[in-house]
PDB file of N, CA and C in Angstrom:
ATOM      1  N   MET A   1     132.451  93.668 106.208  1.00  0.00           N
ATOM      2  CA  MET A   1     133.722  93.670 106.872  1.00  0.00           C
ATOM      3  C   MET A   1     133.607  92.829 108.138  1.00  0.00           C
ATOM      4  N   LYS A   2     134.379  91.794 108.241  1.00  0.00           N
ATOM      5  CA  LYS A   2     134.282  90.856 109.358  1.00  0.00           C
ATOM      6  C   LYS A   2     134.832  91.397 110.668  1.00  0.00           C
ATOM      7  N   ASN A   3     135.722  92.379 110.618  1.00  0.00           N
ATOM      8  CA  ASN A   3     136.338  92.876 111.848  1.00  0.00           C
ATOM      9  C   ASN A   3     135.660  94.126 112.411  1.00  0.00           C
ATOM     10  N   TYR A   4     134.584  94.607 111.797  1.00  0.00           N
ATOM     11  CA  TYR A   4     133.850  95.780 112.285  1.00  0.00           C
ATOM     12  C   TYR A   4     133.134  95.440 113.586  1.00  0.00           C
ATOM     13  N   VAL A   5     133.245  96.325 114.583  1.00  0.00           N
ATOM     14  CA  VAL A   5     132.620  96.080 115.874  1.00  0.00           C
ATOM     15  C   VAL A   5     131.467  97.048 116.120  1.00  0.00           C
ATOM     16  N   GLN A   6     131.710  98.349 116.008  1.00  0.00           N
ATOM     17  CA  GLN A   6     130.664  99.341 116.269  1.00  0.00           C
ATOM     18  C   GLN A   6     131.122 100.697 115.753  1.00  0.00           C
ATOM     19  N   GLU A   7     130.203 101.675 115.709  1.00  0.00           N
ATOM     20  CA  GLU A   7     130.557 103.024 115.264  1.00  0.00           C
ATOM     21  C   GLU A   7     131.585 103.659 116.181  1.00  0.00           C
ATOM     22  N   GLY A   8     131.426 103.527 117.488  1.00  0.00           N
ATOM     23  CA  GLY A   8     132.421 104.014 118.415  1.00  0.00           C
ATOM     24  C   GLY A   8     132.141 105.352 119.057  1.00  0.00           C
ATOM     25  N   ASP A   9     131.036 106.015 118.707  1.00  0.00           N
ATOM     26  CA  ASP A   9     130.736 107.285 119.371  1.00  0.00           C
ATOM     27  C   ASP A   9     130.125 107.056 120.750  1.00  0.00           C
ATOM     28  N   THR A  10     129.599 105.847 120.971  1.00  0.00           N
ATOM     29  CA  THR A  10     129.124 105.417 122.290  1.00  0.00           C
ATOM     30  C   THR A  10     129.805 104.101 122.613  1.00  0.00           C
ATOM     31  N   ILE A  11     130.354 104.014 123.831  1.00  0.00           N
ATOM     32  CA  ILE A  11     131.019 102.785 124.248  1.00  0.00           C
ATOM     33  C   ILE A  11     130.491 102.366 125.616  1.00  0.00           C
ATOM     34  N   THR A  12     130.662 101.099 125.941  1.00  0.00           N
ATOM     35  CA  THR A  12     130.286 100.589 127.260  1.00  0.00           C
ATOM     36  C   THR A  12     131.553 100.433 128.080  1.00  0.00           C
ATOM     37  N   ILE A  13     131.571 101.083 129.253  1.00  0.00           N
ATOM     38  CA  ILE A  13     132.705 100.994 130.151  1.00  0.00           C
ATOM     39  C   ILE A  13     132.202 100.868 131.585  1.00  0.00           C
ATOM     40  N   ALA A  14     133.080 100.462 132.484  1.00  0.00           N
ATOM     41  CA  ALA A  14     132.727 100.400 133.904  1.00  0.00           C
ATOM     42  C   ALA A  14     132.841 101.801 134.494  1.00  0.00           C
ATOM     43  N   ALA A  15     131.802 102.228 135.180  1.00  0.00           N
ATOM     44  CA  ALA A  15     131.823 103.547 135.819  1.00  0.00           C
ATOM     45  C   ALA A  15     132.917 103.577 136.887  1.00  0.00           C
ATOM     46  N   PRO A  16     133.806 104.566 136.842  1.00  0.00           N
ATOM     47  CA  PRO A  16     134.896 104.628 137.814  1.00  0.00           C
ATOM     48  C   PRO A  16     134.448 105.151 139.181  1.00  0.00           C
ATOM     49  N   TYR A  17     133.244 105.706 139.219  1.00  0.00           N
ATOM     50  CA  TYR A  17     132.617 106.248 140.426  1.00  0.00           C
ATOM     51  C   TYR A  17     131.140 106.380 140.110  1.00  0.00           C
ATOM     52  N   ASP A  18     130.308 106.632 141.111  1.00  0.00           N
ATOM     53  CA  ASP A  18     128.882 106.846 140.847  1.00  0.00           C
ATOM     54  C   ASP A  18     128.742 108.027 139.900  1.00  0.00           C
ATOM     55  N   VAL A  19     127.954 107.861 138.866  1.00  0.00           N
ATOM     56  CA  VAL A  19     127.804 108.916 137.866  1.00  0.00           C
ATOM     57  C   VAL A  19     126.329 109.050 137.489  1.00  0.00           C
ATOM     58  N   LEU A  20     125.914 110.276 137.254  1.00  0.00           N
ATOM     59  CA  LEU A  20     124.541 110.554 136.843  1.00  0.00           C
ATOM     60  C   LEU A  20     124.475 110.759 135.336  1.00  0.00           C
ATOM     61  N   SER A  21     123.327 110.496 134.763  1.00  0.00           N
ATOM     62  CA  SER A  21     123.098 110.715 133.342  1.00  0.00           C
ATOM     63  C   SER A  21     123.469 112.151 132.964  1.00  0.00           C
ATOM     64  N   GLY A  22     124.241 112.294 131.891  1.00  0.00           N
ATOM     65  CA  GLY A  22     124.627 113.621 131.417  1.00  0.00           C
ATOM     66  C   GLY A  22     125.870 114.180 132.066  1.00  0.00           C
ATOM     67  N   LYS A  23     126.457 113.445 132.994  1.00  0.00           N
ATOM     68  CA  LYS A  23     127.668 113.908 133.674  1.00  0.00           C
ATOM     69  C   LYS A  23     128.899 113.228 133.081  1.00  0.00           C
ATOM     70  N   GLY A  24     130.031 113.903 133.189  1.00  0.00           N
ATOM     71  CA  GLY A  24     131.276 113.383 132.659  1.00  0.00           C
ATOM     72  C   GLY A  24     131.886 112.311 133.534  1.00  0.00           C
ATOM     73  N   LEU A  25     132.648 111.414 132.888  1.00  0.00           N
ATOM     74  CA  LEU A  25     133.395 110.399 133.606  1.00  0.00           C
ATOM     75  C   LEU A  25     134.698 110.123 132.888  1.00  0.00           C
ATOM     76  N   LEU A  26     135.705 109.807 133.661  1.00  0.00           N
ATOM     77  CA  LEU A  26     137.029 109.559 133.115  1.00  0.00           C
ATOM     78  C   LEU A  26     137.497 108.174 133.536  1.00  0.00           C
ATOM     79  N   VAL A  27     137.841 107.346 132.543  1.00  0.00           N
ATOM     80  CA  VAL A  27     138.369 106.001 132.782  1.00  0.00           C
ATOM     81  C   VAL A  27     139.708 105.934 132.053  1.00  0.00           C
ATOM     82  N   GLY A  28     140.788 105.982 132.808  1.00  0.00           N
ATOM     83  CA  GLY A  28     142.106 106.022 132.176  1.00  0.00           C
ATOM     84  C   GLY A  28     142.212 107.259 131.308  1.00  0.00           C
ATOM     85  N   SER A  29     142.379 107.060 130.016  1.00  0.00           N
ATOM     86  CA  SER A  29     142.436 108.178 129.073  1.00  0.00           C
ATOM     87  C   SER A  29     141.163 108.311 128.248  1.00  0.00           C
ATOM     88  N   ILE A  30     140.089 107.675 128.698  1.00  0.00           N
ATOM     89  CA  ILE A  30     138.805 107.764 127.989  1.00  0.00           C
ATOM     90  C   ILE A  30     137.879 108.685 128.764  1.00  0.00           C
ATOM     91  N   PHE A  31     137.435 109.769 128.115  1.00  0.00           N
ATOM     92  CA  PHE A  31     136.439 110.652 128.715  1.00  0.00           C
ATOM     93  C   PHE A  31     135.132 110.465 127.965  1.00  0.00           C
ATOM     94  N   GLY A  32     134.041 110.392 128.716  1.00  0.00           N
ATOM     95  CA  GLY A  32     132.733 110.281 128.089  1.00  0.00           C
ATOM     96  C   GLY A  32     131.670 110.931 128.950  1.00  0.00           C
ATOM     97  N   VAL A  33     130.479 111.006 128.403  1.00  0.00           N
ATOM     98  CA  VAL A  33     129.318 111.533 129.109  1.00  0.00           C
ATOM     99  C   VAL A  33     128.344 110.381 129.293  1.00  0.00           C
ATOM    100  N   ALA A  34     127.975 110.128 130.544  1.00  0.00           N
ATOM    101  CA  ALA A  34     127.110 108.989 130.873  1.00  0.00           C
ATOM    102  C   ALA A  34     125.738 109.129 130.230  1.00  0.00           C
ATOM    103  N   SER A  35     125.271 108.058 129.619  1.00  0.00           N
ATOM    104  CA  SER A  35     123.940 108.038 128.995  1.00  0.00           C
ATOM    105  C   SER A  35     122.833 107.774 130.008  1.00  0.00           C
ATOM    106  N   PHE A  36     123.205 107.225 131.172  1.00  0.00           N
ATOM    107  CA  PHE A  36     122.245 106.949 132.243  1.00  0.00           C
ATOM    108  C   PHE A  36     123.004 106.884 133.565  1.00  0.00           C
ATOM    109  N   ASP A  37     122.284 106.924 134.676  1.00  0.00           N
ATOM    110  CA  ASP A  37     122.898 106.820 136.002  1.00  0.00           C
ATOM    111  C   ASP A  37     123.560 105.456 136.154  1.00  0.00           C
ATOM    112  N   ALA A  38     124.710 105.427 136.833  1.00  0.00           N
ATOM    113  CA  ALA A  38     125.383 104.149 137.089  1.00  0.00           C
ATOM    114  C   ALA A  38     126.169 104.246 138.392  1.00  0.00           C
ATOM    115  N   LEU A  39     126.167 103.163 139.130  1.00  0.00           N
ATOM    116  CA  LEU A  39     126.969 103.077 140.342  1.00  0.00           C
ATOM    117  C   LEU A  39     128.401 102.707 139.976  1.00  0.00           C
ATOM    118  N   SER A  40     129.325 103.034 140.849  1.00  0.00           N
ATOM    119  CA  SER A  40     130.725 102.705 140.639  1.00  0.00           C
ATOM    120  C   SER A  40     130.893 101.222 140.324  1.00  0.00           C
ATOM    121  N   GLY A  41     131.611 100.918 139.254  1.00  0.00           N
ATOM    122  CA  GLY A  41     131.867  99.539 138.854  1.00  0.00           C
ATOM    123  C   GLY A  41     130.834  98.955 137.910  1.00  0.00           C
ATOM    124  N   ALA A  42     129.653  99.582 137.812  1.00  0.00           N
ATOM    125  CA  ALA A  42     128.610  99.085 136.909  1.00  0.00           C
ATOM    126  C   ALA A  42     128.903  99.518 135.473  1.00  0.00           C
ATOM    127  N   SER A  43     128.412  98.759 134.524  1.00  0.00           N
ATOM    128  CA  SER A  43     128.558  99.143 133.120  1.00  0.00           C
ATOM    129  C   SER A  43     127.692 100.350 132.813  1.00  0.00           C
ATOM    130  N   VAL A  44     128.246 101.269 132.026  1.00  0.00           N
ATOM    131  CA  VAL A  44     127.517 102.458 131.622  1.00  0.00           C
ATOM    132  C   VAL A  44     127.855 102.766 130.168  1.00  0.00           C
ATOM    133  N   GLU A  45     126.862 103.206 129.427  1.00  0.00           N
ATOM    134  CA  GLU A  45     127.087 103.674 128.063  1.00  0.00           C
ATOM    135  C   GLU A  45     127.602 105.102 128.162  1.00  0.00           C
ATOM    136  N   ALA A  46     128.717 105.371 127.506  1.00  0.00           N
ATOM    137  CA  ALA A  46     129.317 106.705 127.545  1.00  0.00           C
ATOM    138  C   ALA A  46     129.479 107.237 126.130  1.00  0.00           C
ATOM    139  N   GLN A  47     128.983 108.433 125.911  1.00  0.00           N
ATOM    140  CA  GLN A  47     129.175 109.125 124.632  1.00  0.00           C
ATOM    141  C   GLN A  47     130.574 109.721 124.658  1.00  0.00           C
ATOM    142  N   ILE A  48     131.412 109.395 123.674  1.00  0.00           N
ATOM    143  CA  ILE A  48     132.764 109.929 123.648  1.00  0.00           C
ATOM    144  C   ILE A  48     132.964 110.944 122.522  1.00  0.00           C
ATOM    145  N   GLU A  49     131.933 111.154 121.706  1.00  0.00           N
ATOM    146  CA  GLU A  49     131.968 112.167 120.666  1.00  0.00           C
ATOM    147  C   GLU A  49     130.651 112.921 120.685  1.00  0.00           C
ATOM    148  N   GLY A  50     130.683 114.151 120.228  1.00  0.00           N
ATOM    149  CA  GLY A  50     129.482 114.967 120.168  1.00  0.00           C
ATOM    150  C   GLY A  50     129.660 116.279 120.910  1.00  0.00           C
ATOM    151  N   VAL A  51     128.572 117.019 121.014  1.00  0.00           N
ATOM    152  CA  VAL A  51     128.582 118.330 121.664  1.00  0.00           C
ATOM    153  C   VAL A  51     127.696 118.259 122.900  1.00  0.00           C
ATOM    154  N   PHE A  52     128.246 118.688 124.043  1.00  0.00           N
ATOM    155  CA  PHE A  52     127.540 118.590 125.315  1.00  0.00           C
ATOM    156  C   PHE A  52     127.713 119.863 126.122  1.00  0.00           C
ATOM    157  N   ASP A  53     126.694 120.198 126.907  1.00  0.00           N
ATOM    158  CA  ASP A  53     126.805 121.225 127.930  1.00  0.00           C
ATOM    159  C   ASP A  53     127.254 120.512 129.188  1.00  0.00           C
ATOM    160  N   LEU A  54     128.463 120.846 129.653  1.00  0.00           N
ATOM    161  CA  LEU A  54     129.064 120.157 130.800  1.00  0.00           C
ATOM    162  C   LEU A  54     129.293 121.109 131.962  1.00  0.00           C
ATOM    163  N   ALA A  55     129.306 120.545 133.165  1.00  0.00           N
ATOM    164  CA  ALA A  55     129.684 121.328 134.343  1.00  0.00           C
ATOM    165  C   ALA A  55     131.094 121.858 134.101  1.00  0.00           C
ATOM    166  N   LYS A  56     131.312 123.140 134.449  1.00  0.00           N
ATOM    167  CA  LYS A  56     132.626 123.741 134.258  1.00  0.00           C
ATOM    168  C   LYS A  56     133.090 124.417 135.530  1.00  0.00           C
ATOM    169  N   VAL A  57     134.365 124.728 135.585  1.00  0.00           N
ATOM    170  CA  VAL A  57     134.895 125.530 136.678  1.00  0.00           C
ATOM    171  C   VAL A  57     134.254 126.898 136.558  1.00  0.00           C
ATOM    172  N   SER A  58     133.441 127.272 137.519  1.00  0.00           N
ATOM    173  CA  SER A  58     132.619 128.481 137.452  1.00  0.00           C
ATOM    174  C   SER A  58     133.432 129.748 137.251  1.00  0.00           C
ATOM    175  N   ALA A  59     134.592 129.852 137.873  1.00  0.00           N
ATOM    176  CA  ALA A  59     135.378 131.086 137.871  1.00  0.00           C
ATOM    177  C   ALA A  59     136.190 131.295 136.599  1.00  0.00           C
ATOM    178  N   GLN A  60     135.929 130.516 135.555  1.00  0.00           N
ATOM    179  CA  GLN A  60     136.658 130.683 134.295  1.00  0.00           C
ATOM    180  C   GLN A  60     135.756 131.257 133.217  1.00  0.00           C
ATOM    181  N   ALA A  61     136.337 132.104 132.384  1.00  0.00           N
ATOM    182  CA  ALA A  61     135.660 132.564 131.175  1.00  0.00           C
ATOM    183  C   ALA A  61     136.241 131.770 130.008  1.00  0.00           C
ATOM    184  N   TRP A  62     135.381 131.256 129.139  1.00  0.00           N
ATOM    185  CA  TRP A  62     135.835 130.488 127.983  1.00  0.00           C
ATOM    186  C   TRP A  62     135.589 131.280 126.710  1.00  0.00           C
ATOM    187  N   THR A  63     136.460 131.101 125.726  1.00  0.00           N
ATOM    188  CA  THR A  63     136.263 131.653 124.399  1.00  0.00           C
ATOM    189  C   THR A  63     136.022 130.489 123.431  1.00  0.00           C
ATOM    190  N   VAL A  64     135.343 130.778 122.342  1.00  0.00           N
ATOM    191  CA  VAL A  64     135.095 129.747 121.336  1.00  0.00           C
ATOM    192  C   VAL A  64     136.429 129.219 120.814  1.00  0.00           C
ATOM    193  N   GLY A  65     136.564 127.913 120.781  1.00  0.00           N
ATOM    194  CA  GLY A  65     137.772 127.273 120.282  1.00  0.00           C
ATOM    195  C   GLY A  65     138.822 126.985 121.333  1.00  0.00           C
ATOM    196  N   ALA A  66     138.594 127.427 122.572  1.00  0.00           N
ATOM    197  CA  ALA A  66     139.558 127.160 123.645  1.00  0.00           C
ATOM    198  C   ALA A  66     139.640 125.662 123.905  1.00  0.00           C
ATOM    199  N   LEU A  67     140.846 125.172 124.171  1.00  0.00           N
ATOM    200  CA  LEU A  67     141.004 123.765 124.543  1.00  0.00           C
ATOM    201  C   LEU A  67     140.394 123.546 125.920  1.00  0.00           C
ATOM    202  N   ILE A  68     139.640 122.448 126.045  1.00  0.00           N
ATOM    203  CA  ILE A  68     138.947 122.144 127.298  1.00  0.00           C
ATOM    204  C   ILE A  68     139.467 120.814 127.843  1.00  0.00           C
ATOM    205  N   TYR A  69     139.718 120.809 129.139  1.00  0.00           N
ATOM    206  CA  TYR A  69     140.273 119.665 129.850  1.00  0.00           C
ATOM    207  C   TYR A  69     139.275 119.193 130.900  1.00  0.00           C
ATOM    208  N   TRP A  70     139.465 117.969 131.402  1.00  0.00           N
ATOM    209  CA  TRP A  70     138.602 117.437 132.452  1.00  0.00           C
ATOM    210  C   TRP A  70     139.378 117.369 133.753  1.00  0.00           C
ATOM    211  N   ASP A  71     138.850 118.043 134.778  1.00  0.00           N
ATOM    212  CA  ASP A  71     139.397 117.972 136.124  1.00  0.00           C
ATOM    213  C   ASP A  71     138.614 116.878 136.838  1.00  0.00           C
ATOM    214  N   ASP A  72     139.209 115.701 136.970  1.00  0.00           N
ATOM    215  CA  ASP A  72     138.486 114.561 137.528  1.00  0.00           C
ATOM    216  C   ASP A  72     138.262 114.687 139.028  1.00  0.00           C
ATOM    217  N   THR A  73     139.053 115.507 139.693  1.00  0.00           N
ATOM    218  CA  THR A  73     138.841 115.736 141.125  1.00  0.00           C
ATOM    219  C   THR A  73     137.590 116.582 141.335  1.00  0.00           C
ATOM    220  N   ALA A  74     137.482 117.670 140.573  1.00  0.00           N
ATOM    221  CA  ALA A  74     136.330 118.578 140.685  1.00  0.00           C
ATOM    222  C   ALA A  74     135.133 118.081 139.876  1.00  0.00           C
ATOM    223  N   LYS A  75     135.353 117.085 139.003  1.00  0.00           N
ATOM    224  CA  LYS A  75     134.311 116.576 138.087  1.00  0.00           C
ATOM    225  C   LYS A  75     133.741 117.732 137.262  1.00  0.00           C
ATOM    226  N   ALA A  76     134.669 118.516 136.666  1.00  0.00           N
ATOM    227  CA  ALA A  76     134.259 119.695 135.901  1.00  0.00           C
ATOM    228  C   ALA A  76     135.230 119.943 134.752  1.00  0.00           C
ATOM    229  N   ALA A  77     134.709 120.534 133.685  1.00  0.00           N
ATOM    230  CA  ALA A  77     135.522 120.945 132.549  1.00  0.00           C
ATOM    231  C   ALA A  77     136.252 122.234 132.904  1.00  0.00           C
ATOM    232  N   THR A  78     137.455 122.381 132.345  1.00  0.00           N
ATOM    233  CA  THR A  78     138.303 123.511 132.691  1.00  0.00           C
ATOM    234  C   THR A  78     139.224 123.867 131.536  1.00  0.00           C
ATOM    235  N   THR A  79     139.752 125.085 131.544  1.00  0.00           N
ATOM    236  CA  THR A  79     140.780 125.475 130.583  1.00  0.00           C
ATOM    237  C   THR A  79     142.178 125.273 131.169  1.00  0.00           C
ATOM    238  N   THR A  80     142.249 124.820 132.405  1.00  0.00           N
ATOM    239  CA  THR A  80     143.530 124.600 133.079  1.00  0.00           C
ATOM    240  C   THR A  80     144.135 123.272 132.639  1.00  0.00           C
ATOM    241  N   VAL A  81     145.361 123.328 132.143  1.00  0.00           N
ATOM    242  CA  VAL A  81     146.028 122.123 131.655  1.00  0.00           C
ATOM    243  C   VAL A  81     146.470 121.248 132.823  1.00  0.00           C
ATOM    244  N   GLY A  82     147.512 121.616 133.542  1.00  0.00           N
ATOM    245  CA  GLY A  82     148.003 120.845 134.686  1.00  0.00           C
ATOM    246  C   GLY A  82     148.045 119.355 134.404  1.00  0.00           C
ATOM    247  N   THR A  83     147.462 118.564 135.293  1.00  0.00           N
ATOM    248  CA  THR A  83     147.394 117.106 135.112  1.00  0.00           C
ATOM    249  C   THR A  83     146.059 116.687 134.519  1.00  0.00           C
ATOM    250  N   ASN A  84     145.242 117.660 134.118  1.00  0.00           N
ATOM    251  CA  ASN A  84     143.919 117.371 133.555  1.00  0.00           C
ATOM    252  C   ASN A  84     144.030 116.802 132.151  1.00  0.00           C
ATOM    253  N   LYS A  85     143.014 116.050 131.738  1.00  0.00           N
ATOM    254  CA  LYS A  85     142.999 115.401 130.424  1.00  0.00           C
ATOM    255  C   LYS A  85     142.260 116.252 129.408  1.00  0.00           C
ATOM    256  N   LEU A  86     142.841 116.415 128.220  1.00  0.00           N
ATOM    257  CA  LEU A  86     142.206 117.140 127.131  1.00  0.00           C
ATOM    258  C   LEU A  86     140.973 116.370 126.672  1.00  0.00           C
ATOM    259  N   ILE A  87     139.808 117.050 126.623  1.00  0.00           N
ATOM    260  CA  ILE A  87     138.583 116.365 126.193  1.00  0.00           C
ATOM    261  C   ILE A  87     137.967 116.966 124.943  1.00  0.00           C
ATOM    262  N   GLY A  88     138.346 118.190 124.567  1.00  0.00           N
ATOM    263  CA  GLY A  88     137.763 118.794 123.378  1.00  0.00           C
ATOM    264  C   GLY A  88     137.979 120.286 123.325  1.00  0.00           C
ATOM    265  N   VAL A  89     137.040 120.982 122.672  1.00  0.00           N
ATOM    266  CA  VAL A  89     137.120 122.437 122.523  1.00  0.00           C
ATOM    267  C   VAL A  89     135.790 123.079 122.882  1.00  0.00           C
ATOM    268  N   ALA A  90     135.878 124.329 123.324  1.00  0.00           N
ATOM    269  CA  ALA A  90     134.675 125.099 123.637  1.00  0.00           C
ATOM    270  C   ALA A  90     133.999 125.509 122.330  1.00  0.00           C
ATOM    271  N   LEU A  91     132.684 125.305 122.239  1.00  0.00           N
ATOM    272  CA  LEU A  91     131.932 125.706 121.050  1.00  0.00           C
ATOM    273  C   LEU A  91     131.121 126.971 121.274  1.00  0.00           C
ATOM    274  N   ALA A  92     131.142 127.471 122.499  1.00  0.00           N
ATOM    275  CA  ALA A  92     130.438 128.713 122.825  1.00  0.00           C
ATOM    276  C   ALA A  92     131.216 129.420 123.921  1.00  0.00           C
ATOM    277  N   ALA A  93     131.133 130.735 123.915  1.00  0.00           N
ATOM    278  CA  ALA A  93     131.746 131.495 125.001  1.00  0.00           C
ATOM    279  C   ALA A  93     131.002 131.181 126.294  1.00  0.00           C
ATOM    280  N   ALA A  94     131.727 131.178 127.401  1.00  0.00           N
ATOM    281  CA  ALA A  94     131.123 130.954 128.722  1.00  0.00           C
ATOM    282  C   ALA A  94     131.652 132.031 129.659  1.00  0.00           C
ATOM    283  N   ALA A  95     130.761 132.639 130.390  1.00  0.00           N
ATOM    284  CA  ALA A  95     131.119 133.752 131.275  1.00  0.00           C
ATOM    285  C   ALA A  95     131.746 133.279 132.575  1.00  0.00           C
ATOM    286  N   ASN A  96     132.415 134.182 133.238  1.00  0.00           N
ATOM    287  CA  ASN A  96     132.893 133.996 134.602  1.00  0.00           C
ATOM    288  C   ASN A  96     132.026 134.893 135.470  1.00  0.00           C
ATOM    289  N   PRO A  97     131.182 134.338 136.337  1.00  0.00           N
ATOM    290  CA  PRO A  97     130.960 132.928 136.640  1.00  0.00           C
ATOM    291  C   PRO A  97     129.856 132.325 135.767  1.00  0.00           C
ATOM    292  N   SER A  98     129.941 131.031 135.567  1.00  0.00           N
ATOM    293  CA  SER A  98     128.868 130.252 134.939  1.00  0.00           C
ATOM    294  C   SER A  98     129.087 128.788 135.290  1.00  0.00           C
ATOM    295  N   ALA A  99     127.994 128.048 135.364  1.00  0.00           N
ATOM    296  CA  ALA A  99     128.059 126.660 135.832  1.00  0.00           C
ATOM    297  C   ALA A  99     128.341 125.656 134.729  1.00  0.00           C
ATOM    298  N   THR A 100     128.005 125.999 133.473  1.00  0.00           N
ATOM    299  CA  THR A 100     128.182 125.043 132.375  1.00  0.00           C
ATOM    300  C   THR A 100     128.859 125.695 131.187  1.00  0.00           C
ATOM    301  N   GLY A 101     129.453 124.839 130.359  1.00  0.00           N
ATOM    302  CA  GLY A 101     130.071 125.281 129.116  1.00  0.00           C
ATOM    303  C   GLY A 101     129.793 124.264 128.028  1.00  0.00           C
ATOM    304  N   ARG A 102     129.707 124.731 126.788  1.00  0.00           N
ATOM    305  CA  ARG A 102     129.428 123.848 125.650  1.00  0.00           C
ATOM    306  C   ARG A 102     130.738 123.333 125.069  1.00  0.00           C
ATOM    307  N   VAL A 103     130.862 121.990 125.024  1.00  0.00           N
ATOM    308  CA  VAL A 103     132.114 121.353 124.619  1.00  0.00           C
ATOM    309  C   VAL A 103     131.871 120.371 123.486  1.00  0.00           C
ATOM    310  N   ARG A 104     132.733 120.435 122.468  1.00  0.00           N
ATOM    311  CA  ARG A 104     132.763 119.427 121.398  1.00  0.00           C
ATOM    312  C   ARG A 104     133.829 118.423 121.826  1.00  0.00           C
ATOM    313  N   LEU A 105     133.396 117.197 122.184  1.00  0.00           N
ATOM    314  CA  LEU A 105     134.348 116.175 122.622  1.00  0.00           C
ATOM    315  C   LEU A 105     135.213 115.716 121.458  1.00  0.00           C
ATOM    316  N   ASN A 106     136.470 115.441 121.751  1.00  0.00           N
ATOM    317  CA  ASN A 106     137.385 115.030 120.690  1.00  0.00           C
ATOM    318  C   ASN A 106     137.426 113.515 120.475  1.00  0.00           C
ATOM    319  N   GLY A 107     136.787 112.746 121.350  1.00  0.00           N
ATOM    320  CA  GLY A 107     136.693 111.299 121.153  1.00  0.00           C
ATOM    321  C   GLY A 107     137.905 110.519 121.603  1.00  0.00           C
ATOM    322  N   ALA A 108     139.031 111.180 121.785  1.00  0.00           N
ATOM    323  CA  ALA A 108     140.251 110.535 122.261  1.00  0.00           C
ATOM    324  C   ALA A 108     141.155 111.619 122.803  1.00  0.00           C
ATOM    325  N   PHE A 109     142.085 111.240 123.627  1.00  0.00           N
ATOM    326  CA  PHE A 109     142.977 112.230 124.237  1.00  0.00           C
ATOM    327  C   PHE A 109     144.239 112.419 123.422  1.00  0.00           C
ATOM    328  N   ILE A 110     144.673 113.655 123.356  1.00  0.00           N
ATOM    329  CA  ILE A 110     145.962 114.001 122.763  1.00  0.00           C
ATOM    330  C   ILE A 110     146.998 114.020 123.881  1.00  0.00           C
ATOM    331  N   ALA A 111     146.584 114.520 125.052  1.00  0.00           N
ATOM    332  CA  ALA A 111     147.524 114.617 126.182  1.00  0.00           C
ATOM    333  C   ALA A 111     146.877 114.038 127.420  1.00  0.00           C
TER     334      ALA A 111
END
């Protein structure tokens, strides 16, 4: 196929802010997890599909299957819709309080 470019589960994008390996980043409507540390504006490989343990809003309890959003101000996953971007679903329950939650990324935004 002449028009095939790549699988698409990992993409190269410009880091919108300094980001550490394994941390979330949001570029427009693209959410990914950085594969390595990158300074703001530098190219970074971002995983946009898969299952990750991500920083979460500590004061929330999650249930399996709950919709998970990205709060780009707090740089944390949340169940709060508001102006946050949908990034996937919770694959494990997470207690209140807890620092991380397991998320299956959806690869693209619905909202």
